[in-house]
Amino acid sequence: PKDIAHFWELGGGTSLLDLISIPITSDTLRTFSLVLVLDLSKPNDLWPTRENLLQATKSHVDKMIMKLGKTNSKAASEMRQKIWSNMQKDHPDRELIDPFLIPLVIIGSKYDIFQDFDSEKRKVICKTLRFVAHYYGASLMFTSKSEALLLKIRGVINQLAFGIDKSKSICVDQNKPLFITAGLDSLSQIGSPPVPDNDIGKLHAHSPMELWKKVYERVFPPKSINTLKDIKDPARDPQYAESEVDEMRIQKDQELEQYKRSSSKFWKQIELDS
C-alpha cells in the first residue's frame, strides 16, 4: 500500500480562519503538520499575518490536544514529548521557547524580490523570522521560483508527509536564502533585536515575542490595524453586481456552509462510533 498525504490550503490570508477547524481535529492531529507561507515582498503585512494565523491555529490545536487527552491521554502525552525531540536535551534554549504541538514549517516566499531589499531591512526581517521560528520550534526557509530552492521545499514536505530523514544543512546568511531545520538555531546565534542599545530600554514589552514585535513594527509598521480583520469583499460590492454570478456565489456559499456542517457531523459520528 502507498502512503497518502492530504493537502489542505487556506487561501484568503486571515479572512477564512474559521475553516482551520475542518482539517485539524482530534483524529487527524497526530499526523498533521502546518506550513505557514509568508510573502517576503510585503514586509508590512508579514507580522500581523503571521500573528493572526499562528495564534488562531495554536489556540485550536491546544483545544484538540485537550480533547484528545480526555479519550487517549497516552497519545496526547506522546505528542507533547515528540515535539521536543527536535531539540537536543542540553540545548540552552529549552526553557525559553514554546514549541507548536504539531510540526511547523515557516516559508518565506518571493525571495527573488526580497533579495533586492536594502540590507538593513533584510537583516530585520531575517532575524525576526529566525526568532519566531525558533521560539515555536519550527523550521524556516526562503523560496522563490528557483528550481534549487523548490527542491529543498519538496524535501521538507516529503519529510513531513512520509517521515524521510530531515536535512542537516543550514544557512543563516541574510545575503542568501535562509534554510534552518527545527532545533538547529539558537537565541545566541540569532542575537538581540536589531535596535540601538540605547533605544531598547525605551521599548516596554512583557515578553521576548512582544519585544521583537515592537522592534519589527518600528521598521515595518502595519498598513492598517483593521486591514486583516475586516477585509472588504468586492464580490459583495453593489457596483460590481452581476445577477448570474451573484446567484452562483450564493449557491457556493450555501454549499460551503453545508460542507462545514456535514464535516462536523462526520467527525462527531466517528467519535461516537469509536
C-alpha atoms as a PDB file:
ATOM      1  CA  PRO A   1       0.000   0.000   0.000  1.00  0.00           C
ATOM      2  CA  LYS A   2       1.093   3.561  -0.707  1.00  0.00           C
ATOM      3  CA  ASP A   3       1.207   6.326   1.856  1.00  0.00           C
ATOM      4  CA  ILE A   4      -1.151   9.159   1.011  1.00  0.00           C
ATOM      5  CA  ALA A   5      -0.711  12.783   2.110  1.00  0.00           C
ATOM      6  CA  HIS A   6      -3.700  15.116   2.148  1.00  0.00           C
ATOM      7  CA  PHE A   7      -3.012  18.802   1.483  1.00  0.00           C
ATOM      8  CA  TRP A   8      -5.370  21.486   2.764  1.00  0.00           C
ATOM      9  CA  GLU A   9      -4.701  25.053   1.633  1.00  0.00           C
ATOM     10  CA  LEU A  10      -6.216  28.020   3.445  1.00  0.00           C
ATOM     11  CA  GLY A  11      -6.393  30.905   0.979  1.00  0.00           C
ATOM     12  CA  GLY A  12      -7.534  34.453   1.584  1.00  0.00           C
ATOM     13  CA  GLY A  13      -4.921  35.472   4.135  1.00  0.00           C
ATOM     14  CA  THR A  14      -6.608  35.664   7.537  1.00  0.00           C
ATOM     15  CA  SER A  15     -10.170  36.096   6.266  1.00  0.00           C
ATOM     16  CA  LEU A  16     -11.067  32.384   6.439  1.00  0.00           C
ATOM     17  CA  LEU A  17      -9.535  31.397   9.766  1.00  0.00           C
ATOM     18  CA  ASP A  18     -12.685  29.628  10.924  1.00  0.00           C
ATOM     19  CA  LEU A  19     -12.017  26.929   8.317  1.00  0.00           C
ATOM     20  CA  ILE A  20      -8.992  25.566  10.195  1.00  0.00           C
ATOM     21  CA  SER A  21     -11.365  23.546  12.368  1.00  0.00           C
ATOM     22  CA  ILE A  22     -12.290  21.338   9.383  1.00  0.00           C
ATOM     23  CA  PRO A  23      -8.946  19.596   8.702  1.00  0.00           C
ATOM     24  CA  ILE A  24      -7.464  19.900  12.220  1.00  0.00           C
ATOM     25  CA  THR A  25      -9.389  17.557  14.504  1.00  0.00           C
ATOM     26  CA  SER A  26      -8.526  15.327  17.441  1.00  0.00           C
ATOM     27  CA  ASP A  27      -8.494  12.412  14.972  1.00  0.00           C
ATOM     28  CA  THR A  28      -6.089  13.982  12.442  1.00  0.00           C
ATOM     29  CA  LEU A  29      -3.894  15.770  14.969  1.00  0.00           C
ATOM     30  CA  ARG A  30      -1.253  13.050  15.364  1.00  0.00           C
ATOM     31  CA  THR A  31      -0.362  13.038  11.661  1.00  0.00           C
ATOM     32  CA  PHE A  32      -0.900  16.737  10.971  1.00  0.00           C
ATOM     33  CA  SER A  33       1.763  19.280  10.008  1.00  0.00           C
ATOM     34  CA  LEU A  34       1.399  23.016   9.444  1.00  0.00           C
ATOM     35  CA  VAL A  35       3.138  25.011   6.715  1.00  0.00           C
ATOM     36  CA  LEU A  36       2.860  28.795   7.033  1.00  0.00           C
ATOM     37  CA  VAL A  37       3.737  30.728   3.859  1.00  0.00           C
ATOM     38  CA  LEU A  38       4.595  34.418   4.305  1.00  0.00           C
ATOM     39  CA  ASP A  39       5.090  36.921   1.479  1.00  0.00           C
ATOM     40  CA  LEU A  40       8.582  38.422   1.901  1.00  0.00           C
ATOM     41  CA  SER A  41       7.781  41.097  -0.686  1.00  0.00           C
ATOM     42  CA  LYS A  42       5.174  42.622   1.690  1.00  0.00           C
ATOM     43  CA  PRO A  43       7.060  43.126   4.957  1.00  0.00           C
ATOM     44  CA  ASN A  44       4.451  45.494   6.430  1.00  0.00           C
ATOM     45  CA  ASP A  45       1.842  42.716   6.299  1.00  0.00           C
ATOM     46  CA  LEU A  46       4.205  39.979   7.411  1.00  0.00           C
ATOM     47  CA  TRP A  47       3.970  40.293  11.213  1.00  0.00           C
ATOM     48  CA  PRO A  48       0.171  40.740  11.535  1.00  0.00           C
ATOM     49  CA  THR A  49      -0.452  37.936   9.029  1.00  0.00           C
ATOM     50  CA  ARG A  50       1.869  35.582  10.915  1.00  0.00           C
ATOM     51  CA  GLU A  51       0.491  36.597  14.287  1.00  0.00           C
ATOM     52  CA  ASN A  52      -3.167  36.114  13.377  1.00  0.00           C
ATOM     53  CA  LEU A  53      -2.664  32.808  11.578  1.00  0.00           C
ATOM     54  CA  LEU A  54      -0.427  31.206  14.191  1.00  0.00           C
ATOM     55  CA  GLN A  55      -2.403  32.414  17.203  1.00  0.00           C
ATOM     56  CA  ALA A  56      -5.696  31.127  15.799  1.00  0.00           C
ATOM     57  CA  THR A  57      -4.167  27.803  14.758  1.00  0.00           C
ATOM     58  CA  LYS A  58      -2.312  27.339  18.047  1.00  0.00           C
ATOM     59  CA  SER A  59      -5.482  28.023  20.025  1.00  0.00           C
ATOM     60  CA  HIS A  60      -7.402  25.428  18.022  1.00  0.00           C
ATOM     61  CA  VAL A  61      -4.586  22.858  18.224  1.00  0.00           C
ATOM     62  CA  ASP A  62      -4.413  23.299  22.012  1.00  0.00           C
ATOM     63  CA  LYS A  63      -8.161  22.624  22.236  1.00  0.00           C
ATOM     64  CA  MET A  64      -7.806  19.490  20.105  1.00  0.00           C
ATOM     65  CA  ILE A  65      -4.918  18.273  22.289  1.00  0.00           C
ATOM     66  CA  MET A  66      -7.092  18.684  25.385  1.00  0.00           C
ATOM     67  CA  LYS A  67      -9.922  16.864  23.637  1.00  0.00           C
ATOM     68  CA  LEU A  68      -7.592  14.039  22.613  1.00  0.00           C
ATOM     69  CA  GLY A  69      -6.275  13.832  26.158  1.00  0.00           C
ATOM     70  CA  LYS A  70      -9.735  13.070  27.510  1.00  0.00           C
ATOM     71  CA  THR A  71     -10.081   9.966  25.315  1.00  0.00           C
ATOM     72  CA  ASN A  72      -6.434   8.986  24.826  1.00  0.00           C
ATOM     73  CA  SER A  73      -4.151  10.565  27.406  1.00  0.00           C
ATOM     74  CA  LYS A  74      -1.198   8.444  26.264  1.00  0.00           C
ATOM     75  CA  ALA A  75      -1.408   9.771  22.684  1.00  0.00           C
ATOM     76  CA  ALA A  76      -1.641  13.371  23.880  1.00  0.00           C
ATOM     77  CA  SER A  77       1.367  12.872  26.154  1.00  0.00           C
ATOM     78  CA  GLU A  78       3.377  11.294  23.329  1.00  0.00           C
ATOM     79  CA  MET A  79       2.618  14.270  21.080  1.00  0.00           C
ATOM     80  CA  ARG A  80       3.941  16.689  23.701  1.00  0.00           C
ATOM     81  CA  GLN A  81       7.100  14.629  24.132  1.00  0.00           C
ATOM     82  CA  LYS A  82       7.664  14.125  20.406  1.00  0.00           C
ATOM     83  CA  ILE A  83       7.665  17.836  19.573  1.00  0.00           C
ATOM     84  CA  TRP A  84      10.657  18.303  21.906  1.00  0.00           C
ATOM     85  CA  SER A  85      12.621  15.598  20.096  1.00  0.00           C
ATOM     86  CA  ASN A  86      13.745  18.179  17.501  1.00  0.00           C
ATOM     87  CA  MET A  87      15.852  19.887  20.134  1.00  0.00           C
ATOM     88  CA  GLN A  88      18.826  18.373  21.926  1.00  0.00           C
ATOM     89  CA  LYS A  89      18.281  17.742  25.633  1.00  0.00           C
ATOM     90  CA  ASP A  90      21.197  20.011  26.525  1.00  0.00           C
ATOM     91  CA  HIS A  91      20.104  22.861  24.209  1.00  0.00           C
ATOM     92  CA  PRO A  92      20.414  26.125  26.204  1.00  0.00           C
ATOM     93  CA  ASP A  93      17.060  27.462  24.955  1.00  0.00           C
ATOM     94  CA  ARG A  94      14.797  24.605  26.064  1.00  0.00           C
ATOM     95  CA  GLU A  95      13.310  26.676  28.893  1.00  0.00           C
ATOM     96  CA  LEU A  96      12.905  29.796  26.766  1.00  0.00           C
ATOM     97  CA  ILE A  97      10.787  28.600  23.868  1.00  0.00           C
ATOM     98  CA  ASP A  98       7.220  27.356  23.392  1.00  0.00           C
ATOM     99  CA  PRO A  99       7.090  24.818  20.520  1.00  0.00           C
ATOM    100  CA  PHE A 100       3.966  24.232  18.471  1.00  0.00           C
ATOM    101  CA  LEU A 101       2.455  20.869  19.363  1.00  0.00           C
ATOM    102  CA  ILE A 102       2.345  19.866  15.690  1.00  0.00           C
ATOM    103  CA  PRO A 103       5.291  20.130  13.256  1.00  0.00           C
ATOM    104  CA  LEU A 104       5.520  23.661  11.876  1.00  0.00           C
ATOM    105  CA  VAL A 105       7.402  24.995   8.856  1.00  0.00           C
ATOM    106  CA  ILE A 106       7.558  28.722   8.050  1.00  0.00           C
ATOM    107  CA  ILE A 107       8.262  29.521   4.393  1.00  0.00           C
ATOM    108  CA  GLY A 108       9.195  32.994   3.180  1.00  0.00           C
ATOM    109  CA  SER A 109       8.074  33.228  -0.446  1.00  0.00           C
ATOM    110  CA  LYS A 110       9.137  35.589  -3.256  1.00  0.00           C
ATOM    111  CA  TYR A 111      12.793  35.610  -2.227  1.00  0.00           C
ATOM    112  CA  ASP A 112      13.651  36.859  -5.728  1.00  0.00           C
ATOM    113  CA  ILE A 113      12.007  40.202  -4.810  1.00  0.00           C
ATOM    114  CA  PHE A 114      13.209  40.196  -1.203  1.00  0.00           C
ATOM    115  CA  GLN A 115      16.878  39.836  -2.163  1.00  0.00           C
ATOM    116  CA  ASP A 116      16.813  43.329  -3.706  1.00  0.00           C
ATOM    117  CA  PHE A 117      15.707  44.982  -0.438  1.00  0.00           C
ATOM    118  CA  ASP A 118      18.029  47.279   1.490  1.00  0.00           C
ATOM    119  CA  SER A 119      20.463  45.173   3.545  1.00  0.00           C
ATOM    120  CA  GLU A 120      19.310  46.626   6.892  1.00  0.00           C
ATOM    121  CA  LYS A 121      15.684  45.808   6.103  1.00  0.00           C
ATOM    122  CA  ARG A 122      16.659  42.281   5.112  1.00  0.00           C
ATOM    123  CA  LYS A 123      18.514  41.971   8.390  1.00  0.00           C
ATOM    124  CA  VAL A 124      15.440  42.940  10.425  1.00  0.00           C
ATOM    125  CA  ILE A 125      13.191  40.507   8.544  1.00  0.00           C
ATOM    126  CA  CYS A 126      15.671  37.612   8.685  1.00  0.00           C
ATOM    127  CA  LYS A 127      16.444  37.966  12.385  1.00  0.00           C
ATOM    128  CA  THR A 128      12.787  38.393  13.296  1.00  0.00           C
ATOM    129  CA  LEU A 129      11.663  35.319  11.371  1.00  0.00           C
ATOM    130  CA  ARG A 130      14.538  33.307  12.819  1.00  0.00           C
ATOM    131  CA  PHE A 131      13.420  34.260  16.329  1.00  0.00           C
ATOM    132  CA  VAL A 132       9.766  33.440  15.626  1.00  0.00           C
ATOM    133  CA  ALA A 133      10.630  30.092  14.031  1.00  0.00           C
ATOM    134  CA  HIS A 134      12.999  29.134  16.853  1.00  0.00           C
ATOM    135  CA  TYR A 135      10.515  30.169  19.544  1.00  0.00           C
ATOM    136  CA  TYR A 136       7.818  27.949  18.036  1.00  0.00           C
ATOM    137  CA  GLY A 137      10.202  25.055  17.341  1.00  0.00           C
ATOM    138  CA  ALA A 138       9.683  25.481  13.603  1.00  0.00           C
ATOM    139  CA  SER A 139      11.807  25.063  10.514  1.00  0.00           C
ATOM    140  CA  LEU A 140      12.390  28.214   8.440  1.00  0.00           C
ATOM    141  CA  MET A 141      13.258  28.566   4.774  1.00  0.00           C
ATOM    142  CA  PHE A 142      13.039  31.102   1.966  1.00  0.00           C
ATOM    143  CA  THR A 143      11.976  30.177  -1.537  1.00  0.00           C
ATOM    144  CA  SER A 144      11.251  31.549  -4.993  1.00  0.00           C
ATOM    145  CA  LYS A 145      10.805  30.102  -8.484  1.00  0.00           C
ATOM    146  CA  SER A 146      14.389  28.842  -8.346  1.00  0.00           C
ATOM    147  CA  GLU A 147      14.467  25.097  -9.031  1.00  0.00           C
ATOM    148  CA  ALA A 148      17.134  24.543  -6.371  1.00  0.00           C
ATOM    149  CA  LEU A 149      15.024  26.235  -3.679  1.00  0.00           C
ATOM    150  CA  LEU A 150      11.884  24.396  -4.776  1.00  0.00           C
ATOM    151  CA  LEU A 151      13.718  21.078  -4.446  1.00  0.00           C
ATOM    152  CA  LYS A 152      14.598  21.963  -0.849  1.00  0.00           C
ATOM    153  CA  ILE A 153      10.961  22.735  -0.094  1.00  0.00           C
ATOM    154  CA  ARG A 154       9.906  19.454  -1.705  1.00  0.00           C
ATOM    155  CA  GLY A 155      12.361  17.638   0.532  1.00  0.00           C
ATOM    156  CA  VAL A 156      10.871  19.268   3.628  1.00  0.00           C
ATOM    157  CA  ILE A 157       7.325  18.375   2.541  1.00  0.00           C
ATOM    158  CA  ASN A 158       8.404  14.762   1.944  1.00  0.00           C
ATOM    159  CA  GLN A 159       9.878  14.675   5.422  1.00  0.00           C
ATOM    160  CA  LEU A 160       6.653  15.985   6.984  1.00  0.00           C
ATOM    161  CA  ALA A 161       4.384  13.689   4.989  1.00  0.00           C
ATOM    162  CA  PHE A 162       6.384  10.477   4.773  1.00  0.00           C
ATOM    163  CA  GLY A 163       8.936  10.616   7.589  1.00  0.00           C
ATOM    164  CA  ILE A 164      12.005  10.952   5.359  1.00  0.00           C
ATOM    165  CA  ASP A 165      15.135  11.990   7.303  1.00  0.00           C
ATOM    166  CA  LYS A 166      15.474  15.708   7.925  1.00  0.00           C
ATOM    167  CA  SER A 167      18.112  17.736   6.154  1.00  0.00           C
ATOM    168  CA  LYS A 168      21.020  18.739   8.382  1.00  0.00           C
ATOM    169  CA  SER A 169      22.112  21.602   6.128  1.00  0.00           C
ATOM    170  CA  ILE A 170      21.730  25.123   7.463  1.00  0.00           C
ATOM    171  CA  CYS A 171      22.059  28.635   6.034  1.00  0.00           C
ATOM    172  CA  VAL A 172      21.713  31.675   8.312  1.00  0.00           C
ATOM    173  CA  ASP A 173      23.399  34.188   5.988  1.00  0.00           C
ATOM    174  CA  GLN A 174      20.957  37.067   5.386  1.00  0.00           C
ATOM    175  CA  ASN A 175      22.505  37.543   1.936  1.00  0.00           C
ATOM    176  CA  LYS A 176      21.322  34.065   0.937  1.00  0.00           C
ATOM    177  CA  PRO A 177      18.003  32.198   1.192  1.00  0.00           C
ATOM    178  CA  LEU A 178      17.599  31.104   4.813  1.00  0.00           C
ATOM    179  CA  PHE A 179      17.303  27.372   5.437  1.00  0.00           C
ATOM    180  CA  ILE A 180      17.147  26.291   9.071  1.00  0.00           C
ATOM    181  CA  THR A 181      15.761  22.954  10.222  1.00  0.00           C
ATOM    182  CA  ALA A 182      13.863  22.993  13.531  1.00  0.00           C
ATOM    183  CA  GLY A 183      16.161  22.723  16.528  1.00  0.00           C
ATOM    184  CA  LEU A 184      19.358  23.818  14.759  1.00  0.00           C
ATOM    185  CA  ASP A 185      19.164  27.539  15.584  1.00  0.00           C
ATOM    186  CA  SER A 186      19.707  29.259  18.937  1.00  0.00           C
ATOM    187  CA  LEU A 187      18.959  32.586  20.590  1.00  0.00           C
ATOM    188  CA  SER A 188      22.681  33.278  20.967  1.00  0.00           C
ATOM    189  CA  GLN A 189      23.207  32.863  17.210  1.00  0.00           C
ATOM    190  CA  ILE A 190      20.168  34.968  16.359  1.00  0.00           C
ATOM    191  CA  GLY A 191      21.267  37.767  18.658  1.00  0.00           C
ATOM    192  CA  SER A 192      19.247  40.585  20.168  1.00  0.00           C
ATOM    193  CA  PRO A 193      16.544  42.516  18.283  1.00  0.00           C
ATOM    194  CA  PRO A 194      18.098  44.854  15.678  1.00  0.00           C
ATOM    195  CA  VAL A 195      17.703  48.135  17.529  1.00  0.00           C
ATOM    196  CA  PRO A 196      20.312  50.515  19.024  1.00  0.00           C
ATOM    197  CA  ASP A 197      21.225  49.596  22.614  1.00  0.00           C
ATOM    198  CA  ASN A 198      20.173  52.995  23.934  1.00  0.00           C
ATOM    199  CA  ASP A 199      16.701  52.538  22.386  1.00  0.00           C
ATOM    200  CA  ILE A 200      15.932  49.012  23.525  1.00  0.00           C
ATOM    201  CA  GLY A 201      15.354  50.183  27.092  1.00  0.00           C
ATOM    202  CA  LYS A 202      12.614  52.519  25.865  1.00  0.00           C
ATOM    203  CA  LEU A 203      10.575  49.633  24.467  1.00  0.00           C
ATOM    204  CA  HIS A 204       8.188  48.329  27.114  1.00  0.00           C
ATOM    205  CA  ALA A 205       7.415  44.660  26.496  1.00  0.00           C
ATOM    206  CA  HIS A 206       6.109  41.841  28.693  1.00  0.00           C
ATOM    207  CA  SER A 207       7.745  39.031  26.727  1.00  0.00           C
ATOM    208  CA  PRO A 208      10.551  38.445  24.194  1.00  0.00           C
ATOM    209  CA  MET A 209       7.931  37.933  21.460  1.00  0.00           C
ATOM    210  CA  GLU A 210       6.341  41.300  22.235  1.00  0.00           C
ATOM    211  CA  LEU A 211       9.760  42.963  22.203  1.00  0.00           C
ATOM    212  CA  TRP A 212      10.560  41.571  18.752  1.00  0.00           C
ATOM    213  CA  LYS A 213       7.140  42.696  17.554  1.00  0.00           C
ATOM    214  CA  LYS A 214       7.746  46.269  18.701  1.00  0.00           C
ATOM    215  CA  VAL A 215      11.176  46.361  17.058  1.00  0.00           C
ATOM    216  CA  TYR A 216       9.826  44.902  13.804  1.00  0.00           C
ATOM    217  CA  GLU A 217       6.885  47.291  13.631  1.00  0.00           C
ATOM    218  CA  ARG A 218       9.163  50.293  14.129  1.00  0.00           C
ATOM    219  CA  VAL A 219      10.728  49.423  10.791  1.00  0.00           C
ATOM    220  CA  PHE A 220       7.657  47.952   9.103  1.00  0.00           C
ATOM    221  CA  PRO A 221       4.523  49.469  10.660  1.00  0.00           C
ATOM    222  CA  PRO A 222       1.294  47.632   9.734  1.00  0.00           C
ATOM    223  CA  LYS A 223      -0.527  49.467   6.974  1.00  0.00           C
ATOM    224  CA  SER A 224      -3.837  49.270   8.785  1.00  0.00           C
ATOM    225  CA  ILE A 225      -4.863  47.722  12.083  1.00  0.00           C
ATOM    226  CA  ASN A 226      -8.169  46.549  10.631  1.00  0.00           C
ATOM    227  CA  THR A 227      -6.882  45.503   7.218  1.00  0.00           C
ATOM    228  CA  LEU A 228      -6.602  41.846   8.141  1.00  0.00           C
ATOM    229  CA  LYS A 229      -9.672  41.641  10.349  1.00  0.00           C
ATOM    230  CA  ASP A 230     -12.191  43.488   8.196  1.00  0.00           C
ATOM    231  CA  ILE A 231     -11.327  42.559   4.653  1.00  0.00           C
ATOM    232  CA  LYS A 232     -13.839  44.084   2.279  1.00  0.00           C
ATOM    233  CA  ASP A 233     -15.243  41.568  -0.170  1.00  0.00           C
ATOM    234  CA  PRO A 234     -15.514  43.122  -3.661  1.00  0.00           C
ATOM    235  CA  ALA A 235     -17.852  40.264  -4.608  1.00  0.00           C
ATOM    236  CA  ARG A 236     -20.481  41.846  -2.361  1.00  0.00           C
ATOM    237  CA  ASP A 237     -19.969  45.415  -3.598  1.00  0.00           C
ATOM    238  CA  PRO A 238     -23.192  46.649  -5.312  1.00  0.00           C
ATOM    239  CA  GLN A 239     -21.242  48.403  -8.057  1.00  0.00           C
ATOM    240  CA  TYR A 240     -19.950  45.016  -9.260  1.00  0.00           C
ATOM    241  CA  ALA A 241     -23.350  43.292  -9.148  1.00  0.00           C
ATOM    242  CA  GLU A 242     -23.990  40.608 -11.797  1.00  0.00           C
ATOM    243  CA  SER A 243     -27.161  38.608 -11.249  1.00  0.00           C
ATOM    244  CA  GLU A 244     -25.974  35.289 -12.714  1.00  0.00           C
ATOM    245  CA  VAL A 245     -22.592  35.439 -10.983  1.00  0.00           C
ATOM    246  CA  ASP A 246     -24.154  36.549  -7.686  1.00  0.00           C
ATOM    247  CA  GLU A 247     -26.670  33.706  -7.771  1.00  0.00           C
ATOM    248  CA  MET A 248     -23.864  31.217  -8.319  1.00  0.00           C
ATOM    249  CA  ARG A 249     -21.880  32.807  -5.468  1.00  0.00           C
ATOM    250  CA  ILE A 250     -24.868  32.402  -3.111  1.00  0.00           C
ATOM    251  CA  GLN A 251     -25.155  28.761  -4.139  1.00  0.00           C
ATOM    252  CA  LYS A 252     -21.448  28.150  -3.493  1.00  0.00           C
ATOM    253  CA  ASP A 253     -21.651  29.875  -0.106  1.00  0.00           C
ATOM    254  CA  GLN A 254     -24.548  27.609   0.829  1.00  0.00           C
ATOM    255  CA  GLU A 255     -22.611  24.546  -0.346  1.00  0.00           C
ATOM    256  CA  LEU A 256     -19.639  25.619   1.789  1.00  0.00           C
ATOM    257  CA  GLU A 257     -21.805  26.011   4.893  1.00  0.00           C
ATOM    258  CA  GLN A 258     -23.403  22.631   4.218  1.00  0.00           C
ATOM    259  CA  TYR A 259     -19.962  21.058   3.835  1.00  0.00           C
ATOM    260  CA  LYS A 260     -18.785  22.570   7.109  1.00  0.00           C
ATOM    261  CA  ARG A 261     -21.862  21.231   8.936  1.00  0.00           C
ATOM    262  CA  SER A 262     -21.630  17.770   7.371  1.00  0.00           C
ATOM    263  CA  SER A 263     -17.897  17.617   8.109  1.00  0.00           C
ATOM    264  CA  SER A 264     -18.540  18.445  11.744  1.00  0.00           C
ATOM    265  CA  LYS A 265     -21.256  15.767  11.988  1.00  0.00           C
ATOM    266  CA  PHE A 266     -18.941  13.244  10.277  1.00  0.00           C
ATOM    267  CA  TRP A 267     -16.181  13.647  12.861  1.00  0.00           C
ATOM    268  CA  LYS A 268     -18.690  13.591  15.724  1.00  0.00           C
ATOM    269  CA  GLN A 269     -20.106  10.333  14.373  1.00  0.00           C
ATOM    270  CA  ILE A 270     -16.612   8.846  14.217  1.00  0.00           C
ATOM    271  CA  GLU A 271     -16.071   9.799  17.854  1.00  0.00           C
ATOM    272  CA  LEU A 272     -19.363   8.170  18.847  1.00  0.00           C
ATOM    273  CA  ASP A 273     -18.561   5.009  16.910  1.00  0.00           C
ATOM    274  CA  SER A 274     -15.111   4.763  18.461  1.00  0.00           C
END
